[in-house]
C-alpha atoms as a PDB file:
ATOM      1  CA  MET A   1     -80.834-132.430   4.199  1.00  0.00           C
ATOM      2  CA  ASN A   2     -78.895-134.751   6.268  1.00  0.00           C
ATOM      3  CA  MET A   3     -81.194-135.855   9.105  1.00  0.00           C
ATOM      4  CA  SER A   4     -78.581-136.226  11.750  1.00  0.00           C
ATOM      5  CA  ARG A   5     -77.159-132.912  10.775  1.00  0.00           C
ATOM      6  CA  ARG A   6     -80.555-131.377  11.404  1.00  0.00           C
ATOM      7  CA  ILE A   7     -80.986-133.168  14.805  1.00  0.00           C
ATOM      8  CA  ASN A   8     -77.536-132.112  15.836  1.00  0.00           C
ATOM      9  CA  ARG A   9     -78.283-128.510  14.974  1.00  0.00           C
ATOM     10  CA  GLU A  10     -81.459-128.720  16.979  1.00  0.00           C
ATOM     11  CA  ARG A  11     -79.414-129.880  19.845  1.00  0.00           C
ATOM     12  CA  VAL A  12     -76.764-127.112  19.560  1.00  0.00           C
ATOM     13  CA  PHE A  13     -79.741-124.620  19.411  1.00  0.00           C
ATOM     14  CA  MET A  14     -81.087-126.129  22.733  1.00  0.00           C
ATOM     15  CA  LEU A  15     -77.619-125.724  24.422  1.00  0.00           C
ATOM     16  CA  LEU A  16     -77.266-122.232  23.132  1.00  0.00           C
ATOM     17  CA  PHE A  17     -80.657-121.331  24.633  1.00  0.00           C
ATOM     18  CA  SER A  18     -78.989-121.351  27.934  1.00  0.00           C
ATOM     19  CA  ALA A  19     -75.462-119.885  26.949  1.00  0.00           C
ATOM     20  CA  ASP A  20     -76.149-116.446  28.508  1.00  0.00           C
ATOM     21  CA  TYR A  21     -76.290-118.013  32.042  1.00  0.00           C
ATOM     22  CA  TYR A  22     -72.877-119.914  31.850  1.00  0.00           C
ATOM     23  CA  ASP A  23     -69.341-118.929  31.355  1.00  0.00           C
ATOM     24  CA  GLN A  24     -67.197-121.304  29.074  1.00  0.00           C
ATOM     25  CA  GLU A  25     -66.408-123.740  31.859  1.00  0.00           C
ATOM     26  CA  GLY A  26     -69.991-123.751  33.101  1.00  0.00           C
ATOM     27  CA  MET A  27     -71.087-124.384  29.335  1.00  0.00           C
ATOM     28  CA  LYS A  28     -68.941-127.433  29.290  1.00  0.00           C
ATOM     29  CA  ASP A  29     -70.761-128.876  32.274  1.00  0.00           C
ATOM     30  CA  GLN A  30     -74.206-127.903  30.760  1.00  0.00           C
ATOM     31  CA  ILE A  31     -73.252-129.778  27.590  1.00  0.00           C
ATOM     32  CA  GLU A  32     -72.381-132.922  29.621  1.00  0.00           C
ATOM     33  CA  SER A  33     -75.504-132.638  31.762  1.00  0.00           C
ATOM     34  CA  PHE A  34     -77.606-132.141  28.600  1.00  0.00           C
ATOM     35  CA  PHE A  35     -76.175-135.374  27.147  1.00  0.00           C
ATOM     36  CA  ALA A  36     -76.823-137.271  30.241  1.00  0.00           C
ATOM     37  CA  ASP A  37     -80.448-135.796  30.618  1.00  0.00           C
ATOM     38  CA  GLU A  38     -81.169-136.735  27.013  1.00  0.00           C
ATOM     39  CA  GLU A  39     -79.941-140.310  27.491  1.00  0.00           C
ATOM     40  CA  GLU A  40     -81.925-140.651  30.692  1.00  0.00           C
ATOM     41  CA  GLU A  41     -85.124-139.228  28.980  1.00  0.00           C
ATOM     42  CA  PHE A  42     -84.762-141.711  26.209  1.00  0.00           C
ATOM     43  CA  ILE A  43     -84.411-144.596  28.633  1.00  0.00           C
ATOM     44  CA  GLU A  44     -87.310-143.682  30.708  1.00  0.00           C
ATOM     45  CA  GLU A  45     -89.409-143.400  27.471  1.00  0.00           C
ATOM     46  CA  GLU A  46     -88.263-146.703  26.375  1.00  0.00           C
ATOM     47  CA  LEU A  47     -88.970-148.324  29.755  1.00  0.00           C
ATOM     48  CA  LEU A  48     -92.562-146.951  29.597  1.00  0.00           C
ATOM     49  CA  ARG A  49     -92.947-148.351  25.955  1.00  0.00           C
ATOM     50  CA  ILE A  50     -91.582-151.727  26.914  1.00  0.00           C
ATOM     51  CA  GLU A  51     -93.735-151.904  29.943  1.00  0.00           C
ATOM     52  CA  GLU A  52     -96.912-151.161  27.873  1.00  0.00           C
ATOM     53  CA  GLN A  53     -95.924-153.803  25.255  1.00  0.00           C
ATOM     54  CA  GLY A  54     -94.732-156.473  27.791  1.00  0.00           C
ATOM     55  CA  GLY A  55     -91.063-156.656  26.724  1.00  0.00           C
ATOM     56  CA  SER A  56     -87.934-156.883  28.558  1.00  0.00           C
ATOM     57  CA  PRO A  57     -85.841-153.755  29.909  1.00  0.00           C
ATOM     58  CA  ASP A  58     -82.671-155.444  28.750  1.00  0.00           C
ATOM     59  CA  GLU A  59     -83.773-154.822  25.102  1.00  0.00           C
ATOM     60  CA  ILE A  60     -82.980-151.119  25.478  1.00  0.00           C
ATOM     61  CA  SER A  61     -80.065-149.825  23.476  1.00  0.00           C
ATOM     62  CA  ILE A  62     -79.153-146.045  23.164  1.00  0.00           C
ATOM     63  CA  PRO A  63     -79.736-145.056  19.421  1.00  0.00           C
ATOM     64  CA  ALA A  64     -76.822-143.751  17.453  1.00  0.00           C
ATOM     65  CA  TYR A  65     -78.139-140.304  16.967  1.00  0.00           C
ATOM     66  CA  LEU A  66     -78.044-139.649  20.635  1.00  0.00           C
ATOM     67  CA  THR A  67     -74.261-140.475  20.865  1.00  0.00           C
ATOM     68  CA  GLU A  68     -72.593-140.269  17.597  1.00  0.00           C
ATOM     69  CA  GLY A  69     -72.780-136.440  17.081  1.00  0.00           C
ATOM     70  CA  ARG A  70     -71.763-135.472  20.723  1.00  0.00           C
ATOM     71  CA  GLU A  71     -68.164-134.363  19.872  1.00  0.00           C
ATOM     72  CA  GLN A  72     -69.438-132.192  16.918  1.00  0.00           C
ATOM     73  CA  ILE A  73     -72.187-130.787  19.192  1.00  0.00           C
ATOM     74  CA  ARG A  74     -69.643-130.010  21.915  1.00  0.00           C
ATOM     75  CA  GLU A  75     -67.204-128.445  19.648  1.00  0.00           C
ATOM     76  CA  LYS A  76     -69.738-126.302  17.732  1.00  0.00           C
ATOM     77  CA  THR A  77     -71.501-125.080  20.845  1.00  0.00           C
ATOM     78  CA  LEU A  78     -68.348-124.039  22.445  1.00  0.00           C
ATOM     79  CA  ALA A  79     -67.165-122.389  19.281  1.00  0.00           C
ATOM     80  CA  ILE A  80     -70.433-120.328  19.084  1.00  0.00           C
ATOM     81  CA  VAL A  81     -70.258-119.567  22.881  1.00  0.00           C
ATOM     82  CA  GLU A  82     -66.769-118.060  22.509  1.00  0.00           C
ATOM     83  CA  LYS A  83     -68.047-115.893  19.559  1.00  0.00           C
ATOM     84  CA  ILE A  84     -71.252-114.557  21.297  1.00  0.00           C
ATOM     85  CA  PRO A  85     -69.808-111.121  21.954  1.00  0.00           C
ATOM     86  CA  GLU A  86     -68.883-110.783  18.218  1.00  0.00           C
ATOM     87  CA  LEU A  87     -72.167-112.308  16.954  1.00  0.00           C
ATOM     88  CA  ASP A  88     -74.183-110.050  19.157  1.00  0.00           C
ATOM     89  CA  LYS A  89     -72.277-106.950  18.174  1.00  0.00           C
ATOM     90  CA  LEU A  90     -73.020-107.949  14.480  1.00  0.00           C
ATOM     91  CA  LEU A  91     -76.721-108.433  15.232  1.00  0.00           C
ATOM     92  CA  ASP A  92     -76.999-105.353  17.137  1.00  0.00           C
ATOM     93  CA  GLU A  93     -75.559-103.375  14.167  1.00  0.00           C
ATOM     94  CA  LYS A  94     -78.126-104.795  11.752  1.00  0.00           C
ATOM     95  CA  ILE A  95     -81.269-104.960  13.874  1.00  0.00           C
ATOM     96  CA  GLN A  96     -82.765-101.436  13.774  1.00  0.00           C
ATOM     97  CA  GLY A  97     -84.825-100.442  16.774  1.00  0.00           C
ATOM     98  CA  TRP A  98     -83.759-103.754  18.638  1.00  0.00           C
ATOM     99  CA  ASN A  99     -80.836-105.170  20.329  1.00  0.00           C
ATOM    100  CA  THR A 100     -79.790-108.573  21.448  1.00  0.00           C
ATOM    101  CA  GLY A 101     -80.926-107.784  24.867  1.00  0.00           C
ATOM    102  CA  ARG A 102     -84.560-107.416  23.841  1.00  0.00           C
ATOM    103  CA  ILE A 103     -84.784-110.465  21.576  1.00  0.00           C
ATOM    104  CA  GLY A 104     -86.419-113.539  22.926  1.00  0.00           C
ATOM    105  CA  LYS A 105     -84.079-116.332  23.895  1.00  0.00           C
ATOM    106  CA  ALA A 106     -85.290-118.712  21.220  1.00  0.00           C
ATOM    107  CA  GLU A 107     -84.939-116.232  18.498  1.00  0.00           C
ATOM    108  CA  LEU A 108     -81.515-115.129  19.933  1.00  0.00           C
ATOM    109  CA  ALA A 109     -80.192-118.679  19.811  1.00  0.00           C
ATOM    110  CA  CYS A 110     -81.551-119.309  16.308  1.00  0.00           C
ATOM    111  CA  LEU A 111     -79.768-115.969  15.098  1.00  0.00           C
ATOM    112  CA  ARG A 112     -76.494-116.756  16.946  1.00  0.00           C
ATOM    113  CA  LEU A 113     -76.457-120.223  15.461  1.00  0.00           C
ATOM    114  CA  ALA A 114     -77.248-119.203  11.936  1.00  0.00           C
ATOM    115  CA  LEU A 115     -74.932-116.188  11.923  1.00  0.00           C
ATOM    116  CA  TYR A 116     -72.018-118.482  13.203  1.00  0.00           C
ATOM    117  CA  GLU A 117     -72.748-121.002  10.374  1.00  0.00           C
ATOM    118  CA  MET A 118     -72.901-118.116   7.806  1.00  0.00           C
ATOM    119  CA  ARG A 119     -69.560-116.560   8.978  1.00  0.00           C
ATOM    120  CA  TYR A 120     -67.562-119.606  10.136  1.00  0.00           C
ATOM    121  CA  ASP A 121     -68.754-122.818   8.647  1.00  0.00           C
ATOM    122  CA  ASP A 122     -67.799-123.285   5.150  1.00  0.00           C
ATOM    123  CA  ASN A 123     -69.693-126.637   4.928  1.00  0.00           C
ATOM    124  CA  ILE A 124     -73.100-124.940   5.328  1.00  0.00           C
ATOM    125  CA  SER A 125     -74.368-122.541   2.701  1.00  0.00           C
ATOM    126  CA  ASP A 126     -75.997-119.330   3.786  1.00  0.00           C
ATOM    127  CA  ALA A 127     -79.487-120.485   2.432  1.00  0.00           C
ATOM    128  CA  VAL A 128     -79.285-123.656   4.630  1.00  0.00           C
ATOM    129  CA  ALA A 129     -78.217-121.741   7.665  1.00  0.00           C
ATOM    130  CA  ILE A 130     -81.096-119.348   7.318  1.00  0.00           C
ATOM    131  CA  ASN A 131     -83.689-121.949   6.440  1.00  0.00           C
ATOM    132  CA  GLU A 132     -82.639-124.112   9.326  1.00  0.00           C
ATOM    133  CA  ALA A 133     -82.824-121.065  11.770  1.00  0.00           C
ATOM    134  CA  VAL A 134     -86.245-120.050  10.459  1.00  0.00           C
ATOM    135  CA  GLU A 135     -87.573-123.621  11.121  1.00  0.00           C
ATOM    136  CA  LEU A 136     -86.062-123.684  14.584  1.00  0.00           C
ATOM    137  CA  ALA A 137     -87.750-120.227  15.343  1.00  0.00           C
ATOM    138  CA  LYS A 138     -91.044-121.400  14.031  1.00  0.00           C
ATOM    139  CA  LYS A 139     -90.919-124.535  16.333  1.00  0.00           C
ATOM    140  CA  TYR A 140     -89.717-122.927  19.430  1.00  0.00           C
ATOM    141  CA  GLY A 141     -90.400-119.264  19.226  1.00  0.00           C
ATOM    142  CA  GLN A 142     -93.452-117.096  19.018  1.00  0.00           C
ATOM    143  CA  SER A 143     -95.885-116.917  16.130  1.00  0.00           C
ATOM    144  CA  LYS A 144     -93.875-114.243  14.323  1.00  0.00           C
ATOM    145  CA  SER A 145     -90.326-115.668  15.221  1.00  0.00           C
ATOM    146  CA  GLY A 146     -89.679-117.385  11.831  1.00  0.00           C
ATOM    147  CA  GLU A 147     -90.440-114.077   9.964  1.00  0.00           C
ATOM    148  CA  PHE A 148     -88.264-112.174  12.336  1.00  0.00           C
ATOM    149  CA  VAL A 149     -85.240-114.507  12.085  1.00  0.00           C
ATOM    150  CA  ASN A 150     -85.647-114.635   8.326  1.00  0.00           C
ATOM    151  CA  GLY A 151     -85.600-110.807   8.063  1.00  0.00           C
ATOM    152  CA  VAL A 152     -82.623-110.432  10.282  1.00  0.00           C
ATOM    153  CA  LEU A 153     -80.503-113.218   8.656  1.00  0.00           C
ATOM    154  CA  ALA A 154     -81.526-111.892   5.098  1.00  0.00           C
ATOM    155  CA  LYS A 155     -79.720-108.636   5.883  1.00  0.00           C
ATOM    156  CA  PHE A 156     -76.518-110.566   6.421  1.00  0.00           C
ATOM    157  CA  ALA A 157     -76.933-112.634   3.344  1.00  0.00           C
ATOM    158  CA  GLN A 158     -77.339-109.371   1.320  1.00  0.00           C
ATOM    159  CA  GLY A 159     -74.056-108.234   2.723  1.00  0.00           C
END
């Protein structure tokens, strides 16, 4: 698995977490704010590390993983946000006894991301999309989130 692809997918997931609160224009602002906050947090952590080790602040350089994937992250996030009504309709049809309004935010972001990848991204296999979504759900969701996300997405993989 390409590590930068995994990191970028996680960053898209983080942005999707707030997608229900913003329209398309608001989401664009959120993305830019996310990148600025991410960079600022990195610099603050580096300054603390340098201070502890007695180095010089002019040694700080922003790592490539924070800047290189920004355009892909921006494009993918906005493409998914645009498809949310369609993705949620598909999810509502497959999830018996539940609907997207009742699903936790972390799980919903994982499901939307994976379903988008399964439906619209030919560069990502269904198995990879599902596996990555399950890992994100385990990391950010509740104790059973991984199982839930896997079960829902398996229904889409089966057709």
